[in-house]
Amino acid sequence: MPLSHHPLVSEFPEYKDKIHQLKMENNHFHQLMEKYDELDKQIFRIEDGSEPTDDAYVEQLKKERLALKDDILRSLKAN
């Protein structure tokens, strides 16, 4: 399976404009996005072998990313 990043606009293409709007207008949403992007990049580096670690840590990071993604979706639906 090829490795890929999971940018929010690809995960939620129907919310592309709203993601941009909230990123610019809502500081909390902006912070959620930055944390999500940071985790996504870290997971990618681990999976491509650039940043070695154990499987349990990667799974923890993926769970954190998923929780952030859920928070972001709730924000998108609420606004």
N, C-alpha and C. Protein backbone atom coordinates (compact mmCIF):
# COMPACT_ATOMS: atom_id res chain seq x y z
N MET A 1 0.85 -1.17 0.00
CA MET A 1 0.00 0.00 0.00
C MET A 1 0.89 1.24 0.00
N PRO A 2 0.68 2.15 -0.96
CA PRO A 2 1.51 3.36 -1.01
C PRO A 2 1.21 4.28 0.16
N LEU A 3 2.24 4.95 0.62
CA LEU A 3 2.09 5.90 1.71
C LEU A 3 1.51 7.20 1.18
N SER A 4 0.70 7.84 2.00
CA SER A 4 0.17 9.14 1.60
C SER A 4 -0.16 9.97 2.82
N HIS A 5 -0.15 11.27 2.60
CA HIS A 5 -0.58 12.19 3.64
C HIS A 5 -2.11 12.21 3.63
N HIS A 6 -2.68 12.73 4.69
CA HIS A 6 -4.13 12.81 4.80
C HIS A 6 -4.56 14.25 5.09
N PRO A 7 -4.32 15.17 4.13
CA PRO A 7 -4.71 16.55 4.38
C PRO A 7 -6.23 16.68 4.54
N LEU A 8 -6.64 17.62 5.36
CA LEU A 8 -8.05 17.77 5.66
C LEU A 8 -8.91 18.05 4.44
N VAL A 9 -8.38 18.82 3.49
CA VAL A 9 -9.18 19.10 2.29
C VAL A 9 -9.39 17.85 1.45
N SER A 10 -8.51 16.87 1.58
CA SER A 10 -8.73 15.58 0.90
C SER A 10 -9.67 14.69 1.70
N GLU A 11 -9.58 14.79 3.01
CA GLU A 11 -10.45 14.00 3.88
C GLU A 11 -11.89 14.50 3.84
N PHE A 12 -12.06 15.82 3.73
CA PHE A 12 -13.39 16.45 3.72
C PHE A 12 -13.51 17.41 2.55
N PRO A 13 -13.48 16.90 1.30
CA PRO A 13 -13.50 17.81 0.16
C PRO A 13 -14.77 18.67 0.09
N GLU A 14 -15.85 18.18 0.63
CA GLU A 14 -17.11 18.94 0.60
C GLU A 14 -17.05 20.17 1.51
N TYR A 15 -16.06 20.22 2.40
CA TYR A 15 -15.90 21.34 3.34
C TYR A 15 -14.69 22.21 3.01
N LYS A 16 -14.18 22.10 1.81
CA LYS A 16 -12.94 22.81 1.44
C LYS A 16 -13.03 24.31 1.75
N ASP A 17 -14.08 24.97 1.31
CA ASP A 17 -14.22 26.41 1.54
C ASP A 17 -14.39 26.73 3.02
N LYS A 18 -15.16 25.89 3.70
CA LYS A 18 -15.40 26.11 5.13
C LYS A 18 -14.13 25.90 5.94
N ILE A 19 -13.32 24.92 5.55
CA ILE A 19 -12.04 24.69 6.22
C ILE A 19 -11.17 25.94 6.11
N HIS A 20 -11.09 26.49 4.91
CA HIS A 20 -10.30 27.71 4.72
C HIS A 20 -10.85 28.87 5.55
N GLN A 21 -12.15 29.05 5.52
CA GLN A 21 -12.78 30.14 6.27
C GLN A 21 -12.52 30.00 7.76
N LEU A 22 -12.76 28.82 8.32
CA LEU A 22 -12.57 28.63 9.75
C LEU A 22 -11.10 28.74 10.14
N LYS A 23 -10.23 28.28 9.29
CA LYS A 23 -8.79 28.39 9.57
C LYS A 23 -8.40 29.85 9.73
N MET A 24 -8.99 30.72 8.93
CA MET A 24 -8.65 32.14 8.98
C MET A 24 -9.38 32.89 10.10
N GLU A 25 -10.58 32.43 10.47
CA GLU A 25 -11.41 33.19 11.39
C GLU A 25 -11.49 32.62 12.81
N ASN A 26 -11.16 31.35 12.98
CA ASN A 26 -11.38 30.69 14.27
C ASN A 26 -10.05 30.16 14.79
N ASN A 27 -9.54 30.76 15.84
CA ASN A 27 -8.24 30.39 16.37
C ASN A 27 -8.22 28.95 16.87
N HIS A 28 -9.28 28.51 17.53
CA HIS A 28 -9.33 27.12 18.03
C HIS A 28 -9.28 26.14 16.86
N PHE A 29 -10.05 26.40 15.82
CA PHE A 29 -10.05 25.54 14.64
C PHE A 29 -8.66 25.53 14.00
N HIS A 30 -8.06 26.70 13.92
CA HIS A 30 -6.70 26.81 13.34
C HIS A 30 -5.72 25.95 14.13
N GLN A 31 -5.80 25.97 15.45
CA GLN A 31 -4.91 25.16 16.28
C GLN A 31 -5.18 23.66 16.08
N LEU A 32 -6.45 23.28 15.97
CA LEU A 32 -6.77 21.87 15.70
C LEU A 32 -6.15 21.43 14.37
N MET A 33 -6.26 22.28 13.36
CA MET A 33 -5.71 21.95 12.05
C MET A 33 -4.19 21.81 12.10
N GLU A 34 -3.54 22.72 12.80
CA GLU A 34 -2.08 22.64 12.89
C GLU A 34 -1.64 21.37 13.59
N LYS A 35 -2.31 21.01 14.67
CA LYS A 35 -1.98 19.78 15.39
C LYS A 35 -2.23 18.57 14.49
N TYR A 36 -3.34 18.57 13.77
CA TYR A 36 -3.65 17.47 12.85
C TYR A 36 -2.56 17.34 11.79
N ASP A 37 -2.19 18.46 11.17
CA ASP A 37 -1.16 18.44 10.12
C ASP A 37 0.18 17.94 10.67
N GLU A 38 0.51 18.39 11.88
CA GLU A 38 1.76 17.96 12.51
C GLU A 38 1.77 16.44 12.75
N LEU A 39 0.67 15.93 13.28
CA LEU A 39 0.57 14.48 13.50
C LEU A 39 0.62 13.71 12.19
N ASP A 40 -0.08 14.21 11.18
CA ASP A 40 -0.11 13.54 9.88
C ASP A 40 1.30 13.44 9.29
N LYS A 41 2.04 14.52 9.38
CA LYS A 41 3.41 14.52 8.85
C LYS A 41 4.32 13.58 9.65
N GLN A 42 4.15 13.57 10.96
CA GLN A 42 4.95 12.68 11.80
C GLN A 42 4.65 11.22 11.49
N ILE A 43 3.39 10.88 11.35
CA ILE A 43 3.00 9.51 11.01
C ILE A 43 3.58 9.12 9.66
N PHE A 44 3.53 10.02 8.69
CA PHE A 44 4.08 9.74 7.37
C PHE A 44 5.58 9.45 7.46
N ARG A 45 6.31 10.28 8.22
CA ARG A 45 7.76 10.07 8.37
C ARG A 45 8.07 8.72 9.01
N ILE A 46 7.27 8.34 9.98
CA ILE A 46 7.46 7.04 10.63
C ILE A 46 7.19 5.91 9.66
N GLU A 47 6.09 6.02 8.92
CA GLU A 47 5.71 4.95 8.00
C GLU A 47 6.67 4.82 6.82
N ASP A 48 7.32 5.93 6.43
CA ASP A 48 8.26 5.81 5.31
C ASP A 48 9.68 5.47 5.78
N GLY A 49 9.84 5.28 7.09
CA GLY A 49 11.12 4.85 7.63
C GLY A 49 12.07 5.96 8.00
N SER A 50 11.67 7.22 7.81
CA SER A 50 12.54 8.36 8.13
C SER A 50 12.67 8.59 9.63
N GLU A 51 11.68 8.15 10.38
CA GLU A 51 11.65 8.38 11.82
C GLU A 51 11.26 7.06 12.50
N PRO A 52 12.24 6.21 12.80
CA PRO A 52 11.93 4.90 13.36
C PRO A 52 11.34 4.97 14.77
N THR A 53 10.41 4.09 15.04
CA THR A 53 9.78 3.98 16.36
C THR A 53 9.05 2.65 16.43
N ASP A 54 8.40 2.39 17.55
CA ASP A 54 7.69 1.11 17.66
C ASP A 54 6.23 1.25 17.22
N ASP A 55 5.62 0.11 16.93
CA ASP A 55 4.26 0.08 16.40
C ASP A 55 3.24 0.67 17.37
N ALA A 56 3.41 0.46 18.65
CA ALA A 56 2.45 0.97 19.64
C ALA A 56 2.40 2.50 19.60
N TYR A 57 3.55 3.13 19.43
CA TYR A 57 3.60 4.59 19.37
C TYR A 57 2.90 5.10 18.11
N VAL A 58 3.11 4.43 17.00
CA VAL A 58 2.46 4.83 15.75
C VAL A 58 0.95 4.71 15.90
N GLU A 59 0.49 3.64 16.50
CA GLU A 59 -0.95 3.45 16.70
C GLU A 59 -1.53 4.54 17.60
N GLN A 60 -0.78 4.93 18.62
CA GLN A 60 -1.21 6.01 19.50
C GLN A 60 -1.36 7.32 18.71
N LEU A 61 -0.36 7.60 17.86
CA LEU A 61 -0.42 8.81 17.04
C LEU A 61 -1.61 8.78 16.09
N LYS A 62 -1.88 7.62 15.50
CA LYS A 62 -3.02 7.50 14.58
C LYS A 62 -4.34 7.71 15.31
N LYS A 63 -4.43 7.24 16.54
CA LYS A 63 -5.64 7.46 17.33
C LYS A 63 -5.81 8.94 17.66
N GLU A 64 -4.71 9.61 17.98
CA GLU A 64 -4.76 11.05 18.23
C GLU A 64 -5.21 11.80 16.98
N ARG A 65 -4.66 11.40 15.83
CA ARG A 65 -5.03 12.05 14.57
C ARG A 65 -6.52 11.84 14.28
N LEU A 66 -7.01 10.64 14.53
CA LEU A 66 -8.42 10.35 14.30
C LEU A 66 -9.31 11.16 15.24
N ALA A 67 -8.91 11.29 16.49
CA ALA A 67 -9.68 12.10 17.45
C ALA A 67 -9.72 13.56 17.01
N LEU A 68 -8.58 14.08 16.54
CA LEU A 68 -8.55 15.44 16.03
C LEU A 68 -9.44 15.60 14.80
N LYS A 69 -9.40 14.61 13.94
CA LYS A 69 -10.24 14.64 12.74
C LYS A 69 -11.71 14.68 13.13
N ASP A 70 -12.09 13.91 14.14
CA ASP A 70 -13.47 13.93 14.63
C ASP A 70 -13.84 15.30 15.18
N ASP A 71 -12.94 15.91 15.96
CA ASP A 71 -13.18 17.25 16.51
C ASP A 71 -13.33 18.27 15.39
N ILE A 72 -12.48 18.15 14.39
CA ILE A 72 -12.53 19.08 13.26
C ILE A 72 -13.85 18.92 12.50
N LEU A 73 -14.28 17.70 12.28
CA LEU A 73 -15.55 17.48 11.57
C LEU A 73 -16.72 18.05 12.37
N ARG A 74 -16.69 17.85 13.69
CA ARG A 74 -17.76 18.43 14.52
C ARG A 74 -17.77 19.96 14.37
N SER A 75 -16.61 20.57 14.36
CA SER A 75 -16.53 22.03 14.17
C SER A 75 -17.06 22.43 12.81
N LEU A 76 -16.73 21.68 11.79
CA LEU A 76 -17.20 22.00 10.45
C LEU A 76 -18.71 21.91 10.36
N LYS A 77 -19.28 20.90 10.98
CA LYS A 77 -20.74 20.72 10.92
C LYS A 77 -21.47 21.75 11.78
N ALA A 78 -20.83 22.23 12.84
CA ALA A 78 -21.46 23.17 13.76
C ALA A 78 -21.46 24.61 13.23
N ASN A 79 -20.49 24.92 12.39
CA ASN A 79 -20.35 26.31 11.93
C ASN A 79 -20.92 26.53 10.57
